[in-house]
Amino acid sequence: MDSLFLILVLISILAFVIGLIKPSIVLRWFPAAKRNRKYAAMVFGISTVVFFILFGVTTPPATESAVDSEQVEQEEETEKAKAEEEEKAKAEEEEKAKAEEEEKAKAEEEEKAKAEEEEKAKAEEEEKAKAEEEEKAKAEEEEKAKAEEEAKAKAEEEAKAKAEEEAKAKAEEEAKAKAEAETMSQQQAVKMAEDYLDYTAFSKSGLIEQLEYEGFDNSDATYAVDKIEVDWKEQAVKMAQDYLDYTAFSRSGLIEQLTYEGFSNDVATYAVDQVGL
């Protein structure tokens, strides 16, 4: 009840302040003649005083409330402490019993583990001795086999090295003889053929014709083209791509153009397939 009167006091004070500023707001239910600051101050001033007196009357004595509250809190604290003590004693008892049980189980486990460890150590010792004996015999056998293998490998290596040396000497001799037999015109034809292939794509017959156009005779031009290593399929693919970069072709038209350039029909078809036409 005291809380209600406190709220009414606060509302009356608020209404009193508002009535002094704009009485028409708080006195809207009163006749127009009474909607003034004087009447608002009187009404809400009196209500503030009345509600404040009622608040003071209904508020219980602080000392009595404090004593009752303190007594209740003390009883609750005592009851709580007692319950905690009992709970603690029970927990300690359970913990003690659990610790004894675990200690007993641990002792039994250790005894069992010790017996198993001794048995395991004995078995391992016997196994180790047996393994060492077998390993020793195996090592001797492997050493003997290894020595025989090394001797055999050494003999084979020496024979292989000798054969490679002879083959190398023979190849160098043949290369030297072949290089000496190559004419200056053939060397120039080879160089020009390589230069042309670095610049653009050719078929085999087309490259021979180009070398002949440059003044080499057919034998030197043919020699040069046979001398260099060329993937003619790759050359066909490259030429097909060059044509497509320059202008548009149908599939059959591009195959025909590549054939005209000196490629076989199979190689021309392969090249057109590779460029995706």
Protein backbone atom coordinates (compact mmCIF):
# COMPACT_ATOMS: atom_id res chain seq x y z
CA MET A 1 0.00 0.00 0.00
CA ASP A 2 2.83 2.40 0.85
CA SER A 3 4.19 1.87 -2.70
CA LEU A 4 0.82 2.92 -4.17
CA PHE A 5 0.78 6.15 -2.17
CA LEU A 6 4.38 6.84 -3.16
CA ILE A 7 3.42 6.53 -6.84
CA LEU A 8 0.41 8.85 -6.28
CA VAL A 9 2.71 11.38 -4.61
CA LEU A 10 5.04 11.36 -7.61
CA ILE A 11 2.12 11.67 -10.06
CA SER A 12 0.68 14.61 -8.04
CA ILE A 13 4.04 16.39 -8.07
CA LEU A 14 4.34 15.88 -11.83
CA ALA A 15 0.78 17.15 -12.39
CA PHE A 16 1.50 20.14 -10.11
CA VAL A 17 4.53 21.12 -12.23
CA ILE A 18 2.64 20.65 -15.52
CA GLY A 19 -0.34 22.63 -14.11
CA LEU A 20 1.91 25.60 -13.39
CA ILE A 21 3.17 25.54 -16.98
CA LYS A 22 0.03 24.59 -18.93
CA PRO A 23 -3.01 23.95 -16.66
CA SER A 24 -5.31 23.02 -19.57
CA ILE A 25 -3.49 19.68 -19.93
CA VAL A 26 -4.08 18.42 -16.36
CA LEU A 27 -7.45 20.16 -15.82
CA ARG A 28 -9.09 19.18 -19.09
CA TRP A 29 -12.01 17.55 -17.22
CA PHE A 30 -12.71 20.71 -15.18
CA PRO A 31 -14.85 23.64 -16.40
CA ALA A 32 -13.05 26.15 -18.58
CA ALA A 33 -13.24 28.82 -15.86
CA LYS A 34 -11.20 26.63 -13.49
CA ARG A 35 -8.46 25.73 -15.99
CA ASN A 36 -5.84 28.13 -14.60
CA ARG A 37 -2.53 27.94 -12.74
CA LYS A 38 -4.03 28.93 -9.40
CA TYR A 39 -6.65 26.18 -9.43
CA ALA A 40 -4.10 23.60 -10.68
CA ALA A 41 -1.68 24.55 -7.88
CA MET A 42 -4.41 24.23 -5.29
CA VAL A 43 -5.76 20.87 -6.50
CA PHE A 44 -2.47 19.09 -7.04
CA GLY A 45 -0.75 20.76 -4.11
CA ILE A 46 -3.39 19.45 -1.75
CA SER A 47 -3.32 15.96 -3.37
CA THR A 48 0.47 15.86 -3.05
CA VAL A 49 0.30 16.67 0.67
CA VAL A 50 -2.54 14.17 1.31
CA PHE A 51 -0.83 11.30 -0.54
CA PHE A 52 2.50 12.07 1.17
CA ILE A 53 0.81 11.85 4.63
CA LEU A 54 -0.86 8.55 3.67
CA PHE A 55 2.49 7.24 2.43
CA GLY A 56 4.08 8.07 5.77
CA VAL A 57 1.25 6.44 7.72
CA THR A 58 1.20 3.18 5.72
CA THR A 59 4.99 2.67 5.63
CA PRO A 60 5.92 -0.07 8.22
CA PRO A 61 8.55 0.75 10.88
CA ALA A 62 12.05 0.14 9.46
CA THR A 63 13.41 -1.41 12.66
CA GLU A 64 10.75 -4.12 12.89
CA SER A 65 11.09 -5.06 9.23
CA ALA A 66 14.84 -5.16 9.51
CA VAL A 67 14.69 -7.40 12.61
CA ASP A 68 12.24 -9.84 11.00
CA SER A 69 14.25 -9.92 7.81
CA GLU A 70 17.50 -10.49 9.69
CA GLN A 71 15.97 -13.29 11.74
CA VAL A 72 14.63 -15.04 8.66
CA GLU A 73 17.98 -14.68 6.88
CA GLN A 74 19.81 -16.04 9.94
CA GLU A 75 17.53 -19.08 10.14
CA GLU A 76 17.94 -19.71 6.40
CA GLU A 77 21.71 -19.34 6.70
CA THR A 78 21.81 -21.81 9.62
CA GLU A 79 19.67 -24.32 7.73
CA LYS A 80 21.80 -23.90 4.62
CA ALA A 81 25.05 -24.35 6.59
CA LYS A 82 23.67 -27.50 8.22
CA ALA A 83 22.63 -28.95 4.86
CA GLU A 84 26.00 -28.13 3.35
CA GLU A 85 27.79 -29.76 6.30
CA GLU A 86 25.75 -32.94 5.92
CA GLU A 87 26.29 -32.94 2.17
CA LYS A 88 30.01 -32.41 2.68
CA ALA A 89 30.25 -35.25 5.22
CA LYS A 90 28.32 -37.56 2.89
CA ALA A 91 30.56 -36.61 -0.06
CA GLU A 92 33.71 -37.19 2.03
CA GLU A 93 32.44 -40.60 3.08
CA GLU A 94 31.65 -41.58 -0.49
CA GLU A 95 34.99 -40.21 -1.66
CA LYS A 96 36.81 -42.21 1.02
CA ALA A 97 34.99 -45.42 0.08
CA LYS A 98 35.66 -44.77 -3.59
CA ALA A 99 39.36 -44.09 -2.92
CA GLU A 100 39.69 -47.35 -0.95
CA GLU A 101 37.99 -49.28 -3.73
CA GLU A 102 40.23 -47.69 -6.36
CA GLU A 103 43.33 -48.37 -4.28
CA LYS A 104 42.36 -52.01 -3.94
CA ALA A 105 41.63 -52.32 -7.65
CA LYS A 106 44.89 -50.53 -8.46
CA ALA A 107 46.89 -52.93 -6.27
CA GLU A 108 45.29 -55.94 -7.95
CA GLU A 109 45.88 -54.43 -11.38
CA GLU A 110 49.54 -53.73 -10.58
CA GLU A 111 50.04 -57.28 -9.35
CA LYS A 112 48.46 -58.67 -12.48
CA ALA A 113 50.46 -56.33 -14.72
CA LYS A 114 53.67 -57.31 -12.94
CA ALA A 115 53.03 -61.00 -13.52
CA GLU A 116 52.17 -60.38 -17.17
CA GLU A 117 55.27 -58.20 -17.60
CA GLU A 118 57.53 -60.91 -16.20
CA GLU A 119 55.94 -63.49 -18.47
CA LYS A 120 56.23 -61.17 -21.45
CA ALA A 121 59.88 -60.35 -20.68
CA LYS A 122 60.70 -64.05 -20.50
CA ALA A 123 58.99 -64.75 -23.82
CA GLU A 124 60.67 -61.75 -25.44
CA GLU A 125 64.07 -62.89 -24.23
CA GLU A 126 63.58 -66.32 -25.73
CA GLU A 127 62.23 -64.80 -28.96
CA LYS A 128 65.13 -62.37 -29.11
CA ALA A 129 67.71 -65.12 -28.72
CA LYS A 130 66.02 -67.14 -31.46
CA ALA A 131 65.75 -64.09 -33.74
CA GLU A 132 69.42 -63.22 -33.23
CA GLU A 133 70.45 -66.73 -34.19
CA GLU A 134 68.30 -66.64 -37.31
CA GLU A 135 69.48 -63.12 -38.16
CA LYS A 136 73.09 -64.19 -37.85
CA ALA A 137 72.58 -67.14 -40.19
CA LYS A 138 70.62 -64.95 -42.62
CA ALA A 139 73.29 -62.24 -42.57
CA GLU A 140 76.00 -64.76 -43.39
CA GLU A 141 73.93 -66.12 -46.25
CA GLU A 142 73.19 -62.62 -47.57
CA GLU A 143 76.82 -61.60 -47.29
CA LYS A 144 77.83 -64.58 -49.34
CA ALA A 145 75.12 -63.91 -51.95
CA LYS A 146 76.03 -60.23 -52.03
CA ALA A 147 79.67 -60.96 -52.68
CA GLU A 148 78.74 -63.26 -55.55
CA GLU A 149 76.29 -60.69 -56.94
CA GLU A 150 78.85 -57.90 -56.74
CA ALA A 151 81.43 -59.99 -58.54
CA LYS A 152 78.91 -60.83 -61.25
CA ALA A 153 77.73 -57.21 -61.52
CA LYS A 154 81.29 -55.96 -61.74
CA ALA A 155 82.05 -58.33 -64.58
CA GLU A 156 78.86 -57.32 -66.41
CA GLU A 157 79.59 -53.63 -65.85
CA GLU A 158 83.07 -53.96 -67.24
CA ALA A 159 81.75 -55.81 -70.28
CA LYS A 160 79.00 -53.22 -70.77
CA ALA A 161 81.42 -50.31 -70.42
CA LYS A 162 83.73 -51.89 -72.96
CA ALA A 163 80.85 -52.43 -75.41
CA GLU A 164 79.60 -48.84 -74.92
CA GLU A 165 83.07 -47.47 -75.45
CA GLU A 166 83.45 -49.43 -78.67
CA ALA A 167 79.96 -48.35 -79.85
CA LYS A 168 80.71 -44.73 -79.01
CA ALA A 169 84.01 -44.81 -80.88
CA LYS A 170 82.29 -46.38 -83.88
CA ALA A 171 79.46 -43.78 -83.82
CA GLU A 172 81.94 -40.93 -83.59
CA GLU A 173 83.88 -42.37 -86.49
CA GLU A 174 80.76 -42.70 -88.60
CA ALA A 175 79.58 -39.19 -87.69
CA LYS A 176 82.96 -37.78 -88.55
CA ALA A 177 82.99 -39.55 -91.88
CA LYS A 178 79.44 -38.42 -92.61
CA ALA A 179 80.20 -34.82 -91.66
CA GLU A 180 83.26 -34.80 -93.87
CA ALA A 181 81.21 -36.21 -96.74
CA GLU A 182 78.56 -33.42 -96.44
CA THR A 183 79.15 -30.70 -99.03
CA MET A 184 79.05 -26.98 -98.35
CA SER A 185 75.90 -26.66 -100.52
CA GLN A 186 74.16 -29.35 -98.50
CA GLN A 187 75.11 -27.64 -95.24
CA GLN A 188 73.66 -24.35 -96.48
CA ALA A 189 70.50 -26.11 -97.65
CA VAL A 190 70.06 -27.66 -94.19
CA LYS A 191 70.52 -24.27 -92.50
CA MET A 192 68.03 -22.55 -94.83
CA ALA A 193 65.48 -25.34 -94.34
CA GLU A 194 65.71 -24.90 -90.55
CA ASP A 195 65.35 -21.12 -90.92
CA TYR A 196 62.20 -21.50 -93.04
CA LEU A 197 60.64 -23.88 -90.50
CA ASP A 198 61.40 -21.40 -87.70
CA TYR A 199 59.49 -18.76 -89.71
CA THR A 200 56.44 -20.68 -90.96
CA ALA A 201 54.98 -24.15 -91.64
CA PHE A 202 55.80 -26.32 -94.68
CA SER A 203 54.99 -29.73 -96.03
CA LYS A 204 57.94 -31.90 -96.98
CA SER A 205 57.43 -31.41 -100.73
CA GLY A 206 56.66 -27.73 -100.22
CA LEU A 207 59.93 -27.18 -98.32
CA ILE A 208 61.92 -28.98 -101.07
CA GLU A 209 60.28 -26.76 -103.69
CA GLN A 210 61.07 -23.65 -101.66
CA LEU A 211 64.75 -24.63 -101.42
CA GLU A 212 64.84 -25.26 -105.16
CA TYR A 213 63.27 -21.83 -105.65
CA GLU A 214 66.13 -20.41 -103.57
CA GLY A 215 68.62 -21.92 -106.08
CA PHE A 216 69.51 -25.33 -104.59
CA ASP A 217 69.31 -28.34 -106.85
CA ASN A 218 66.81 -31.09 -106.12
CA SER A 219 69.38 -33.46 -104.58
CA ASP A 220 70.70 -30.87 -102.11
CA ALA A 221 67.17 -29.70 -101.26
CA THR A 222 65.99 -33.29 -100.70
CA TYR A 223 69.12 -34.02 -98.65
CA ALA A 224 68.46 -31.01 -96.39
CA VAL A 225 64.80 -31.89 -95.79
CA ASP A 226 65.71 -35.52 -95.00
CA LYS A 227 68.55 -34.36 -92.75
CA ILE A 228 66.47 -32.24 -90.38
CA GLU A 229 64.07 -33.80 -87.88
CA VAL A 230 60.52 -32.57 -88.55
CA ASP A 231 57.09 -33.68 -87.35
CA TRP A 232 55.13 -33.17 -90.60
CA LYS A 233 51.81 -33.69 -88.83
CA GLU A 234 52.68 -30.84 -86.49
CA GLN A 235 53.60 -28.71 -89.52
CA ALA A 236 50.19 -29.48 -91.06
CA VAL A 237 48.39 -28.46 -87.85
CA LYS A 238 50.40 -25.24 -87.69
CA MET A 239 49.65 -24.38 -91.35
CA ALA A 240 45.93 -25.12 -90.85
CA GLN A 241 45.83 -22.77 -87.86
CA ASP A 242 47.69 -20.09 -89.84
CA TYR A 243 45.10 -20.32 -92.66
CA LEU A 244 42.21 -20.05 -90.19
CA ASP A 245 43.84 -17.02 -88.55
CA TYR A 246 44.08 -15.38 -91.98
CA THR A 247 40.66 -16.23 -93.44
CA ALA A 248 37.63 -18.54 -93.14
CA PHE A 249 37.53 -22.11 -94.54
CA SER A 250 35.10 -24.99 -94.67
CA ARG A 251 36.38 -28.33 -93.47
CA SER A 252 36.68 -29.80 -96.98
CA GLY A 253 38.13 -26.55 -98.30
CA LEU A 254 40.87 -26.50 -95.65
CA ILE A 255 41.71 -30.17 -96.29
CA GLU A 256 41.96 -29.42 -100.01
CA GLN A 257 44.20 -26.40 -99.37
CA LEU A 258 46.56 -28.42 -97.19
CA THR A 259 46.67 -31.15 -99.83
CA TYR A 260 47.55 -28.50 -102.39
CA GLU A 261 50.40 -27.39 -100.12
CA GLY A 262 51.91 -30.87 -100.37
CA PHE A 263 50.45 -32.77 -97.39
CA SER A 264 48.83 -36.16 -97.84
CA ASN A 265 45.06 -36.41 -97.43
CA ASP A 266 45.46 -38.34 -94.13
CA VAL A 267 47.81 -35.74 -92.65
CA ALA A 268 45.58 -32.88 -93.88
CA THR A 269 42.51 -34.52 -92.31
CA TYR A 270 44.43 -35.05 -89.04
CA ALA A 271 45.44 -31.36 -88.97
CA VAL A 272 41.86 -30.16 -89.58
CA ASP A 273 40.64 -32.46 -86.76
CA GLN A 274 43.27 -31.00 -84.42
CA VAL A 275 42.24 -27.38 -85.01
CA GLY A 276 38.64 -28.36 -84.26
CA LEU A 277 37.05 -27.73 -87.69
